[in-house]
């Protein structure tokens, strides 16, 4: 699975767990098992605002684009995320924000 991230300014939190062809976003499962090779699931067919683009399957690879919320203390890794390739099953490690203390110090200077 390839997970592309599309950053948006938001204080919401996103947790992602991958289980085979299923992504669990904040506890809500999205099962892409029935997508065939070469098929595209249009964005409008996905009942979630966390998806930013269609889901595409090429060969054995499913490619999704998720919205990545950027908190006030967002990091460069969050603002300019790289695609997550060959994502294993389990909790997906998303880019993390800067420590709050770093943001506070920079804003007071």
PDB file of N, CA and C in Angstrom:
ATOM      1  N   UNK A   1       0.848  -1.177   0.000  1.00  0.00           N
ATOM      2  CA  UNK A   1       0.000   0.000   0.000  1.00  0.00           C
ATOM      3  C   UNK A   1       0.889   1.233   0.000  1.00  0.00           C
ATOM      4  N   UNK A   2       0.448   2.221  -0.755  1.00  0.00           N
ATOM      5  CA  UNK A   2       1.086   3.533  -0.771  1.00  0.00           C
ATOM      6  C   UNK A   2       0.091   4.515  -0.173  1.00  0.00           C
ATOM      7  N   UNK A   3       0.548   5.279   0.809  1.00  0.00           N
ATOM      8  CA  UNK A   3      -0.299   6.310   1.404  1.00  0.00           C
ATOM      9  C   UNK A   3       0.344   7.661   1.128  1.00  0.00           C
ATOM     10  N   UNK A   4      -0.331   8.460   0.303  1.00  0.00           N
ATOM     11  CA  UNK A   4       0.080   9.836   0.062  1.00  0.00           C
ATOM     12  C   UNK A   4      -0.625  10.708   1.087  1.00  0.00           C
ATOM     13  N   UNK A   5       0.032  11.780   1.495  1.00  0.00           N
ATOM     14  CA  UNK A   5      -0.535  12.672   2.500  1.00  0.00           C
ATOM     15  C   UNK A   5      -0.700  14.070   1.918  1.00  0.00           C
ATOM     16  N   UNK A   6      -1.889  14.632   2.109  1.00  0.00           N
ATOM     17  CA  UNK A   6      -2.215  15.970   1.627  1.00  0.00           C
ATOM     18  C   UNK A   6      -2.461  16.868   2.839  1.00  0.00           C
ATOM     19  N   UNK A   7      -1.492  17.722   3.190  1.00  0.00           N
ATOM     20  CA  UNK A   7      -1.619  18.522   4.408  1.00  0.00           C
ATOM     21  C   UNK A   7      -2.713  19.584   4.326  1.00  0.00           C
ATOM     22  N   UNK A   8      -3.440  19.738   5.434  1.00  0.00           N
ATOM     23  CA  UNK A   8      -4.436  20.803   5.577  1.00  0.00           C
ATOM     24  C   UNK A   8      -4.322  21.351   6.999  1.00  0.00           C
ATOM     25  N   UNK A   9      -4.483  22.638   7.150  1.00  0.00           N
ATOM     26  CA  UNK A   9      -4.423  23.239   8.490  1.00  0.00           C
ATOM     27  C   UNK A   9      -5.679  22.851   9.254  1.00  0.00           C
ATOM     28  N   UNK A  10      -5.491  22.119  10.348  1.00  0.00           N
ATOM     29  CA  UNK A  10      -6.610  21.650  11.155  1.00  0.00           C
ATOM     30  C   UNK A  10      -6.086  21.191  12.509  1.00  0.00           C
ATOM     31  N   UNK A  11      -6.893  21.395  13.545  1.00  0.00           N
ATOM     32  CA  UNK A  11      -6.541  20.899  14.873  1.00  0.00           C
ATOM     33  C   UNK A  11      -7.114  19.507  15.128  1.00  0.00           C
ATOM     34  N   UNK A  12      -7.776  18.919  14.118  1.00  0.00           N
ATOM     35  CA  UNK A  12      -8.274  17.549  14.260  1.00  0.00           C
ATOM     36  C   UNK A  12      -7.087  16.597  14.346  1.00  0.00           C
ATOM     37  N   UNK A  13      -7.338  15.404  14.840  1.00  0.00           N
ATOM     38  CA  UNK A  13      -6.300  14.380  14.900  1.00  0.00           C
ATOM     39  C   UNK A  13      -6.694  13.212  14.011  1.00  0.00           C
ATOM     40  N   UNK A  14      -5.699  12.591  13.416  1.00  0.00           N
ATOM     41  CA  UNK A  14      -5.929  11.441  12.548  1.00  0.00           C
ATOM     42  C   UNK A  14      -5.083  10.276  13.034  1.00  0.00           C
ATOM     43  N   UNK A  15      -5.753   9.152  13.275  1.00  0.00           N
ATOM     44  CA  UNK A  15      -5.031   7.910  13.560  1.00  0.00           C
ATOM     45  C   UNK A  15      -5.343   6.943  12.426  1.00  0.00           C
ATOM     46  N   UNK A  16      -4.317   6.240  11.973  1.00  0.00           N
ATOM     47  CA  UNK A  16      -4.458   5.324  10.839  1.00  0.00           C
ATOM     48  C   UNK A  16      -3.873   3.970  11.225  1.00  0.00           C
ATOM     49  N   UNK A  17      -4.668   2.934  10.999  1.00  0.00           N
ATOM     50  CA  UNK A  17      -4.212   1.556  11.186  1.00  0.00           C
ATOM     51  C   UNK A  17      -4.455   0.830   9.872  1.00  0.00           C
ATOM     52  N   UNK A  18      -3.469   0.057   9.427  1.00  0.00           N
ATOM     53  CA  UNK A  18      -3.613  -0.730   8.203  1.00  0.00           C
ATOM     54  C   UNK A  18      -3.730  -2.198   8.577  1.00  0.00           C
ATOM     55  N   UNK A  19      -4.732  -2.864   8.001  1.00  0.00           N
ATOM     56  CA  UNK A  19      -4.916  -4.307   8.165  1.00  0.00           C
ATOM     57  C   UNK A  19      -5.198  -4.881   6.786  1.00  0.00           C
ATOM     58  N   UNK A  20      -4.156  -5.343   6.120  1.00  0.00           N
ATOM     59  CA  UNK A  20      -4.322  -5.853   4.763  1.00  0.00           C
ATOM     60  C   UNK A  20      -4.756  -4.738   3.834  1.00  0.00           C
ATOM     61  N   UNK A  21      -5.912  -4.929   3.173  1.00  0.00           N
ATOM     62  CA  UNK A  21      -6.442  -3.915   2.263  1.00  0.00           C
ATOM     63  C   UNK A  21      -7.418  -2.970   2.959  1.00  0.00           C
ATOM     64  N   UNK A  22      -7.428  -2.994   4.285  1.00  0.00           N
ATOM     65  CA  UNK A  22      -8.334  -2.142   5.062  1.00  0.00           C
ATOM     66  C   UNK A  22      -7.544  -1.069   5.797  1.00  0.00           C
ATOM     67  N   UNK A  23      -8.039   0.158   5.716  1.00  0.00           N
ATOM     68  CA  UNK A  23      -7.502   1.249   6.525  1.00  0.00           C
ATOM     69  C   UNK A  23      -8.540   1.604   7.574  1.00  0.00           C
ATOM     70  N   UNK A  24      -8.103   1.780   8.792  1.00  0.00           N
ATOM     71  CA  UNK A  24      -8.991   2.197   9.876  1.00  0.00           C
ATOM     72  C   UNK A  24      -8.581   3.613  10.253  1.00  0.00           C
ATOM     73  N   UNK A  25      -9.458   4.563   9.967  1.00  0.00           N
ATOM     74  CA  UNK A  25      -9.180   5.974  10.215  1.00  0.00           C
ATOM     75  C   UNK A  25     -10.004   6.434  11.403  1.00  0.00           C
ATOM     76  N   UNK A  26      -9.331   6.782  12.485  1.00  0.00           N
ATOM     77  CA  UNK A  26     -10.021   7.205  13.715  1.00  0.00           C
ATOM     78  C   UNK A  26     -11.112   6.216  14.112  1.00  0.00           C
ATOM     79  N   UNK A  27     -10.812   4.927  13.962  1.00  0.00           N
ATOM     80  CA  UNK A  27     -11.736   3.876  14.371  1.00  0.00           C
ATOM     81  C   UNK A  27     -12.732   3.440  13.316  1.00  0.00           C
ATOM     82  N   UNK A  28     -12.791   4.117  12.171  1.00  0.00           N
ATOM     83  CA  UNK A  28     -13.745   3.770  11.107  1.00  0.00           C
ATOM     84  C   UNK A  28     -13.029   2.996   9.996  1.00  0.00           C
ATOM     85  N   UNK A  29     -13.458   1.732   9.733  1.00  0.00           N
ATOM     86  CA  UNK A  29     -12.777   0.923   8.719  1.00  0.00           C
ATOM     87  C   UNK A  29     -13.220   1.253   7.290  1.00  0.00           C
ATOM     88  N   UNK A  30     -12.240   1.203   6.380  1.00  0.00           N
ATOM     89  CA  UNK A  30     -12.486   1.366   4.947  1.00  0.00           C
ATOM     90  C   UNK A  30     -11.797   0.191   4.263  1.00  0.00           C
ATOM     91  N   UNK A  31     -12.617  -0.746   3.746  1.00  0.00           N
ATOM     92  CA  UNK A  31     -12.116  -1.995   3.181  1.00  0.00           C
ATOM     93  C   UNK A  31     -12.018  -1.868   1.662  1.00  0.00           C
ATOM     94  N   UNK A  32     -10.806  -1.996   1.137  1.00  0.00           N
ATOM     95  CA  UNK A  32     -10.574  -1.876  -0.302  1.00  0.00           C
ATOM     96  C   UNK A  32     -10.274  -3.227  -0.944  1.00  0.00           C
ATOM     97  N   UNK A  33     -10.663  -4.314  -0.285  1.00  0.00           N
ATOM     98  CA  UNK A  33     -10.414  -5.668  -0.771  1.00  0.00           C
ATOM     99  C   UNK A  33     -11.014  -5.909  -2.151  1.00  0.00           C
ATOM    100  N   UNK A  34     -12.194  -5.376  -2.416  1.00  0.00           N
ATOM    101  CA  UNK A  34     -12.906  -5.675  -3.664  1.00  0.00           C
ATOM    102  C   UNK A  34     -12.503  -4.802  -4.844  1.00  0.00           C
ATOM    103  N   UNK A  35     -11.516  -3.936  -4.673  1.00  0.00           N
ATOM    104  CA  UNK A  35     -11.038  -3.142  -5.806  1.00  0.00           C
ATOM    105  C   UNK A  35     -10.136  -4.036  -6.649  1.00  0.00           C
ATOM    106  N   UNK A  36     -10.451  -4.133  -7.938  1.00  0.00           N
ATOM    107  CA  UNK A  36      -9.675  -4.984  -8.835  1.00  0.00           C
ATOM    108  C   UNK A  36      -8.470  -4.272  -9.418  1.00  0.00           C
ATOM    109  N   UNK A  37      -7.545  -5.056  -9.959  1.00  0.00           N
ATOM    110  CA  UNK A  37      -6.349  -4.508 -10.590  1.00  0.00           C
ATOM    111  C   UNK A  37      -6.745  -3.527 -11.693  1.00  0.00           C
ATOM    112  N   UNK A  38      -6.201  -2.328 -11.643  1.00  0.00           N
ATOM    113  CA  UNK A  38      -6.496  -1.305 -12.638  1.00  0.00           C
ATOM    114  C   UNK A  38      -7.729  -0.485 -12.338  1.00  0.00           C
ATOM    115  N   UNK A  39      -8.437  -0.826 -11.271  1.00  0.00           N
ATOM    116  CA  UNK A  39      -9.662  -0.093 -10.920  1.00  0.00           C
ATOM    117  C   UNK A  39      -9.347   1.170 -10.127  1.00  0.00           C
ATOM    118  N   UNK A  40     -10.276   2.125 -10.229  1.00  0.00           N
ATOM    119  CA  UNK A  40     -10.208   3.370  -9.469  1.00  0.00           C
ATOM    120  C   UNK A  40     -11.519   3.547  -8.733  1.00  0.00           C
ATOM    121  N   UNK A  41     -11.438   3.786  -7.444  1.00  0.00           N
ATOM    122  CA  UNK A  41     -12.618   4.103  -6.643  1.00  0.00           C
ATOM    123  C   UNK A  41     -12.659   5.621  -6.522  1.00  0.00           C
ATOM    124  N   UNK A  42     -13.659   6.267  -7.153  1.00  0.00           N
ATOM    125  CA  UNK A  42     -13.696   7.731  -7.145  1.00  0.00           C
ATOM    126  C   UNK A  42     -13.833   8.293  -5.731  1.00  0.00           C
ATOM    127  N   UNK A  43     -13.287   9.468  -5.536  1.00  0.00           N
ATOM    128  CA  UNK A  43     -13.354  10.124  -4.238  1.00  0.00           C
ATOM    129  C   UNK A  43     -14.790  10.251  -3.757  1.00  0.00           C
ATOM    130  N   UNK A  44     -15.715  10.551  -4.655  1.00  0.00           N
ATOM    131  CA  UNK A  44     -17.122  10.715  -4.294  1.00  0.00           C
ATOM    132  C   UNK A  44     -17.784   9.446  -3.780  1.00  0.00           C
ATOM    133  N   UNK A  45     -17.166   8.293  -4.038  1.00  0.00           N
ATOM    134  CA  UNK A  45     -17.730   7.019  -3.579  1.00  0.00           C
ATOM    135  C   UNK A  45     -17.254   6.653  -2.174  1.00  0.00           C
ATOM    136  N   UNK A  46     -16.389   7.478  -1.607  1.00  0.00           N
ATOM    137  CA  UNK A  46     -15.838   7.206  -0.274  1.00  0.00           C
ATOM    138  C   UNK A  46     -16.485   8.165   0.716  1.00  0.00           C
ATOM    139  N   UNK A  47     -17.187   7.612   1.689  1.00  0.00           N
ATOM    140  CA  UNK A  47     -17.934   8.433   2.652  1.00  0.00           C
ATOM    141  C   UNK A  47     -17.038   8.863   3.812  1.00  0.00           C
ATOM    142  N   UNK A  48     -16.041   9.689   3.480  1.00  0.00           N
ATOM    143  CA  UNK A  48     -15.145  10.200   4.514  1.00  0.00           C
ATOM    144  C   UNK A  48     -14.448  11.447   4.002  1.00  0.00           C
ATOM    145  N   UNK A  49     -14.292  12.419   4.875  1.00  0.00           N
ATOM    146  CA  UNK A  49     -13.566  13.633   4.495  1.00  0.00           C
ATOM    147  C   UNK A  49     -12.057  13.465   4.659  1.00  0.00           C
ATOM    148  N   UNK A  50     -11.608  12.335   5.186  1.00  0.00           N
ATOM    149  CA  UNK A  50     -10.174  12.105   5.353  1.00  0.00           C
ATOM    150  C   UNK A  50      -9.482  11.761   4.044  1.00  0.00           C
ATOM    151  N   UNK A  51     -10.226  11.323   3.039  1.00  0.00           N
ATOM    152  CA  UNK A  51      -9.625  10.995   1.749  1.00  0.00           C
ATOM    153  C   UNK A  51      -9.578  12.252   0.891  1.00  0.00           C
ATOM    154  N   UNK A  52      -8.439  12.447   0.205  1.00  0.00           N
ATOM    155  CA  UNK A  52      -8.250  13.647  -0.607  1.00  0.00           C
ATOM    156  C   UNK A  52      -8.272  13.350  -2.100  1.00  0.00           C
ATOM    157  N   UNK A  53      -8.308  12.073  -2.477  1.00  0.00           N
ATOM    158  CA  UNK A  53      -8.288  11.710  -3.889  1.00  0.00           C
ATOM    159  C   UNK A  53      -8.846  10.293  -4.032  1.00  0.00           C
ATOM    160  N   UNK A  54      -9.025   9.881  -5.271  1.00  0.00           N
ATOM    161  CA  UNK A  54      -9.525   8.537  -5.566  1.00  0.00           C
ATOM    162  C   UNK A  54      -8.544   7.482  -5.046  1.00  0.00           C
ATOM    163  N   UNK A  55      -9.052   6.273  -4.840  1.00  0.00           N
ATOM    164  CA  UNK A  55      -8.219   5.129  -4.464  1.00  0.00           C
ATOM    165  C   UNK A  55      -7.956   4.338  -5.742  1.00  0.00           C
ATOM    166  N   UNK A  56      -6.693   4.012  -5.969  1.00  0.00           N
ATOM    167  CA  UNK A  56      -6.290   3.341  -7.203  1.00  0.00           C
ATOM    168  C   UNK A  56      -5.597   2.030  -6.849  1.00  0.00           C
ATOM    169  N   UNK A  57      -5.894   0.982  -7.627  1.00  0.00           N
ATOM    170  CA  UNK A  57      -5.188  -0.288  -7.437  1.00  0.00           C
ATOM    171  C   UNK A  57      -4.455  -0.639  -8.719  1.00  0.00           C
ATOM    172  N   UNK A  58      -3.151  -0.845  -8.593  1.00  0.00           N
ATOM    173  CA  UNK A  58      -2.309  -1.245  -9.712  1.00  0.00           C
ATOM    174  C   UNK A  58      -1.547  -2.489  -9.287  1.00  0.00           C
ATOM    175  N   UNK A  59      -1.836  -3.604  -9.944  1.00  0.00           N
ATOM    176  CA  UNK A  59      -1.223  -4.863  -9.522  1.00  0.00           C
ATOM    177  C   UNK A  59      -1.709  -5.204  -8.125  1.00  0.00           C
ATOM    178  N   UNK A  60      -0.777  -5.431  -7.223  1.00  0.00           N
ATOM    179  CA  UNK A  60      -1.131  -5.731  -5.832  1.00  0.00           C
ATOM    180  C   UNK A  60      -1.092  -4.490  -4.946  1.00  0.00           C
ATOM    181  N   UNK A  61      -0.831  -3.332  -5.541  1.00  0.00           N
ATOM    182  CA  UNK A  61      -0.638  -2.116  -4.754  1.00  0.00           C
ATOM    183  C   UNK A  61      -1.872  -1.225  -4.766  1.00  0.00           C
ATOM    184  N   UNK A  62      -2.329  -0.886  -3.574  1.00  0.00           N
ATOM    185  CA  UNK A  62      -3.422   0.072  -3.407  1.00  0.00           C
ATOM    186  C   UNK A  62      -2.785   1.407  -3.050  1.00  0.00           C
ATOM    187  N   UNK A  63      -3.229   2.473  -3.731  1.00  0.00           N
ATOM    188  CA  UNK A  63      -2.703   3.807  -3.460  1.00  0.00           C
ATOM    189  C   UNK A  63      -3.835   4.718  -3.018  1.00  0.00           C
ATOM    190  N   UNK A  64      -3.649   5.335  -1.849  1.00  0.00           N
ATOM    191  CA  UNK A  64      -4.648   6.254  -1.305  1.00  0.00           C
ATOM    192  C   UNK A  64      -3.974   7.583  -0.989  1.00  0.00           C
ATOM    193  N   UNK A  65      -4.783   8.634  -0.955  1.00  0.00           N
ATOM    194  CA  UNK A  65      -4.309   9.947  -0.521  1.00  0.00           C
ATOM    195  C   UNK A  65      -5.200  10.396   0.623  1.00  0.00           C
ATOM    196  N   UNK A  66      -4.572  10.624   1.773  1.00  0.00           N
ATOM    197  CA  UNK A  66      -5.299  11.046   2.969  1.00  0.00           C
ATOM    198  C   UNK A  66      -4.963  12.489   3.306  1.00  0.00           C
ATOM    199  N   UNK A  67      -5.945  13.186   3.843  1.00  0.00           N
ATOM    200  CA  UNK A  67      -5.698  14.534   4.355  1.00  0.00           C
ATOM    201  C   UNK A  67      -4.928  14.400   5.668  1.00  0.00           C
ATOM    202  N   UNK A  68      -3.880  15.176   5.791  1.00  0.00           N
ATOM    203  CA  UNK A  68      -3.056  15.157   7.003  1.00  0.00           C
ATOM    204  C   UNK A  68      -3.269  16.470   7.750  1.00  0.00           C
ATOM    205  N   UNK A  69      -3.929  16.431   8.911  1.00  0.00           N
ATOM    206  CA  UNK A  69      -4.173  17.672   9.644  1.00  0.00           C
ATOM    207  C   UNK A  69      -2.870  18.278  10.168  1.00  0.00           C
ATOM    208  N   UNK A  70      -2.729  19.587   9.970  1.00  0.00           N
ATOM    209  CA  UNK A  70      -1.557  20.312  10.454  1.00  0.00           C
ATOM    210  C   UNK A  70      -1.951  21.151  11.656  1.00  0.00           C
ATOM    211  N   UNK A  71      -1.433  20.834  12.842  1.00  0.00           N
ATOM    212  CA  UNK A  71      -1.712  21.659  14.015  1.00  0.00           C
ATOM    213  C   UNK A  71      -0.892  22.952  13.943  1.00  0.00           C
ATOM    214  N   UNK A  72      -1.105  23.857  14.878  1.00  0.00           N
ATOM    215  CA  UNK A  72      -0.373  25.128  14.894  1.00  0.00           C
ATOM    216  C   UNK A  72       1.135  24.904  14.965  1.00  0.00           C
ATOM    217  N   UNK A  73       1.557  23.848  15.622  1.00  0.00           N
ATOM    218  CA  UNK A  73       2.983  23.540  15.767  1.00  0.00           C
ATOM    219  C   UNK A  73       3.447  22.487  14.752  1.00  0.00           C
ATOM    220  N   UNK A  74       2.948  22.589  13.508  1.00  0.00           N
ATOM    221  CA  UNK A  74       3.288  21.580  12.502  1.00  0.00           C
ATOM    222  C   UNK A  74       4.785  21.599  12.195  1.00  0.00           C
ATOM    223  N   UNK A  75       5.270  20.438  11.816  1.00  0.00           N
ATOM    224  CA  UNK A  75       6.687  20.263  11.488  1.00  0.00           C
ATOM    225  C   UNK A  75       6.879  20.348   9.974  1.00  0.00           C
ATOM    226  N   UNK A  76       8.118  20.544   9.517  1.00  0.00           N
ATOM    227  CA  UNK A  76       8.380  20.504   8.073  1.00  0.00           C
ATOM    228  C   UNK A  76       7.976  19.158   7.464  1.00  0.00           C
ATOM    229  N   UNK A  77       8.145  18.077   8.233  1.00  0.00           N
ATOM    230  CA  UNK A  77       7.764  16.745   7.731  1.00  0.00           C
ATOM    231  C   UNK A  77       6.261  16.639   7.506  1.00  0.00           C
ATOM    232  N   UNK A  78       5.480  17.358   8.298  1.00  0.00           N
ATOM    233  CA  UNK A  78       4.029  17.377   8.106  1.00  0.00           C
ATOM    234  C   UNK A  78       3.650  18.290   6.945  1.00  0.00           C
ATOM    235  N   UNK A  79       4.310  19.426   6.841  1.00  0.00           N
ATOM    236  CA  UNK A  79       3.974  20.396   5.795  1.00  0.00           C
ATOM    237  C   UNK A  79       4.348  19.891   4.406  1.00  0.00           C
ATOM    238  N   UNK A  80       5.424  19.115   4.327  1.00  0.00           N
ATOM    239  CA  UNK A  80       5.905  18.600   3.045  1.00  0.00           C
ATOM    240  C   UNK A  80       6.126  17.089   3.160  1.00  0.00           C
ATOM    241  N   UNK A  81       5.038  16.327   3.344  1.00  0.00           N
ATOM    242  CA  UNK A  81       5.190  14.887   3.596  1.00  0.00           C
ATOM    243  C   UNK A  81       5.622  14.111   2.358  1.00  0.00           C
ATOM    244  N   UNK A  82       6.393  13.070   2.603  1.00  0.00           N
ATOM    245  CA  UNK A  82       6.770  12.152   1.531  1.00  0.00           C
ATOM    246  C   UNK A  82       5.767  11.003   1.526  1.00  0.00           C
ATOM    247  N   UNK A  83       5.536  10.380   0.375  1.00  0.00           N
ATOM    248  CA  UNK A  83       4.623   9.230   0.342  1.00  0.00           C
ATOM    249  C   UNK A  83       5.130   8.108   1.249  1.00  0.00           C
ATOM    250  N   UNK A  84       4.199   7.428   1.891  1.00  0.00           N
ATOM    251  CA  UNK A  84       4.529   6.274   2.723  1.00  0.00           C
ATOM    252  C   UNK A  84       4.420   5.042   1.833  1.00  0.00           C
ATOM    253  N   UNK A  85       5.536   4.387   1.576  1.00  0.00           N
ATOM    254  CA  UNK A  85       5.595   3.265   0.641  1.00  0.00           C
ATOM    255  C   UNK A  85       5.660   1.938   1.383  1.00  0.00           C
ATOM    256  N   UNK A  86       5.063   0.909   0.777  1.00  0.00           N
ATOM    257  CA  UNK A  86       5.087  -0.443   1.364  1.00  0.00           C
ATOM    258  C   UNK A  86       4.693  -0.424   2.835  1.00  0.00           C
ATOM    259  N   UNK A  87       3.581   0.215   3.130  1.00  0.00           N
ATOM    260  CA  UNK A  87       3.123   0.379   4.510  1.00  0.00           C
ATOM    261  C   UNK A  87       2.756  -0.987   5.089  1.00  0.00           C
ATOM    262  N   UNK A  88       3.397  -1.386   6.185  1.00  0.00           N
ATOM    263  CA  UNK A  88       3.077  -2.680   6.794  1.00  0.00           C
ATOM    264  C   UNK A  88       1.793  -2.603   7.612  1.00  0.00           C
ATOM    265  N   UNK A  89       1.241  -3.761   7.946  1.00  0.00           N
ATOM    266  CA  UNK A  89       0.066  -3.800   8.816  1.00  0.00           C
ATOM    267  C   UNK A  89       0.422  -3.246  10.192  1.00  0.00           C
ATOM    268  N   UNK A  90      -0.564  -2.621  10.814  1.00  0.00           N
ATOM    269  CA  UNK A  90      -0.372  -2.047  12.141  1.00  0.00           C
ATOM    270  C   UNK A  90      -0.625  -0.549  12.122  1.00  0.00           C
ATOM    271  N   UNK A  91      -0.222   0.103  13.189  1.00  0.00           N
ATOM    272  CA  UNK A  91      -0.394   1.551  13.300  1.00  0.00           C
ATOM    273  C   UNK A  91       0.530   2.223  12.289  1.00  0.00           C
ATOM    274  N   UNK A  92      -0.033   3.118  11.484  1.00  0.00           N
ATOM    275  CA  UNK A  92       0.747   3.846  10.481  1.00  0.00           C
ATOM    276  C   UNK A  92       1.402   5.045  11.160  1.00  0.00           C
ATOM    277  N   UNK A  93       2.711   5.149  11.006  1.00  0.00           N
ATOM    278  CA  UNK A  93       3.459   6.247  11.613  1.00  0.00           C
ATOM    279  C   UNK A  93       3.373   7.482  10.720  1.00  0.00           C
ATOM    280  N   UNK A  94       2.590   8.453  11.151  1.00  0.00           N
ATOM    281  CA  UNK A  94       2.438   9.708  10.420  1.00  0.00           C
ATOM    282  C   UNK A  94       3.469  10.711  10.927  1.00  0.00           C
ATOM    283  N   UNK A  95       3.838  11.693  10.096  1.00  0.00           N
ATOM    284  CA  UNK A  95       4.763  12.729  10.570  1.00  0.00           C
ATOM    285  C   UNK A  95       4.189  13.433  11.798  1.00  0.00           C
ATOM    286  N   UNK A  96       5.064  13.738  12.744  1.00  0.00           N
ATOM    287  CA  UNK A  96       4.644  14.326  14.014  1.00  0.00           C
ATOM    288  C   UNK A  96       4.927  15.829  14.052  1.00  0.00           C
ATOM    289  N   UNK A  97       4.153  16.569  14.868  1.00  0.00           N
ATOM    290  CA  UNK A  97       4.377  18.016  14.990  1.00  0.00           C
ATOM    291  C   UNK A  97       5.623  18.321  15.815  1.00  0.00           C
ATOM    292  N   UNK A  98       6.022  19.581  15.778  1.00  0.00           N
ATOM    293  CA  UNK A  98       7.110  20.049  16.631  1.00  0.00           C
ATOM    294  C   UNK A  98       6.643  20.048  18.076  1.00  0.00           C
ATOM    295  N   UNK A  99       7.564  19.929  19.018  1.00  0.00           N
ATOM    296  CA  UNK A  99       7.159  20.057  20.425  1.00  0.00           C
ATOM    297  C   UNK A  99       6.545  21.437  20.662  1.00  0.00           C
ATOM    298  N   UNK A 100       5.544  21.497  21.487  1.00  0.00           N
ATOM    299  CA  UNK A 100       4.853  22.759  21.758  1.00  0.00           C
ATOM    300  C   UNK A 100       5.811  23.812  22.295  1.00  0.00           C
ATOM    301  N   UNK A 101       6.788  23.427  23.094  1.00  0.00           N
ATOM    302  CA  UNK A 101       7.734  24.389  23.668  1.00  0.00           C
ATOM    303  C   UNK A 101       8.552  25.096  22.594  1.00  0.00           C
ATOM    304  N   UNK A 102       8.882  24.426  21.494  1.00  0.00           N
ATOM    305  CA  UNK A 102       9.627  25.044  20.398  1.00  0.00           C
ATOM    306  C   UNK A 102       8.795  26.140  19.760  1.00  0.00           C
ATOM    307  N   UNK A 103       7.520  25.886  19.540  1.00  0.00           N
ATOM    308  CA  UNK A 103       6.631  26.869  18.927  1.00  0.00           C
ATOM    309  C   UNK A 103       6.463  28.069  19.847  1.00  0.00           C
ATOM    310  N   UNK A 104       6.306  27.846  21.138  1.00  0.00           N
ATOM    311  CA  UNK A 104       6.127  28.931  22.100  1.00  0.00           C
ATOM    312  C   UNK A 104       7.354  29.831  22.125  1.00  0.00           C
ATOM    313  N   UNK A 105       8.543  29.256  22.142  1.00  0.00           N
ATOM    314  CA  UNK A 105       9.780  30.041  22.169  1.00  0.00           C
ATOM    315  C   UNK A 105       9.912  30.876  20.909  1.00  0.00           C
ATOM    316  N   UNK A 106       9.645  30.288  19.744  1.00  0.00           N
ATOM    317  CA  UNK A 106       9.764  31.018  18.485  1.00  0.00           C
ATOM    318  C   UNK A 106       8.767  32.160  18.404  1.00  0.00           C
ATOM    319  N   UNK A 107       7.578  31.988  18.942  1.00  0.00           N
ATOM    320  CA  UNK A 107       6.549  33.023  18.858  1.00  0.00           C
ATOM    321  C   UNK A 107       6.836  34.179  19.814  1.00  0.00           C
ATOM    322  N   UNK A 108       7.571  33.937  20.902  1.00  0.00           N
ATOM    323  CA  UNK A 108       7.842  34.994  21.870  1.00  0.00           C
ATOM    324  C   UNK A 108       9.081  35.797  21.514  1.00  0.00           C
ATOM    325  N   UNK A 109       9.862  35.342  20.573  1.00  0.00           N
ATOM    326  CA  UNK A 109      11.088  36.070  20.200  1.00  0.00           C
ATOM    327  C   UNK A 109      10.805  37.195  19.240  1.00  0.00           C
TER     328      UNK A 109
END
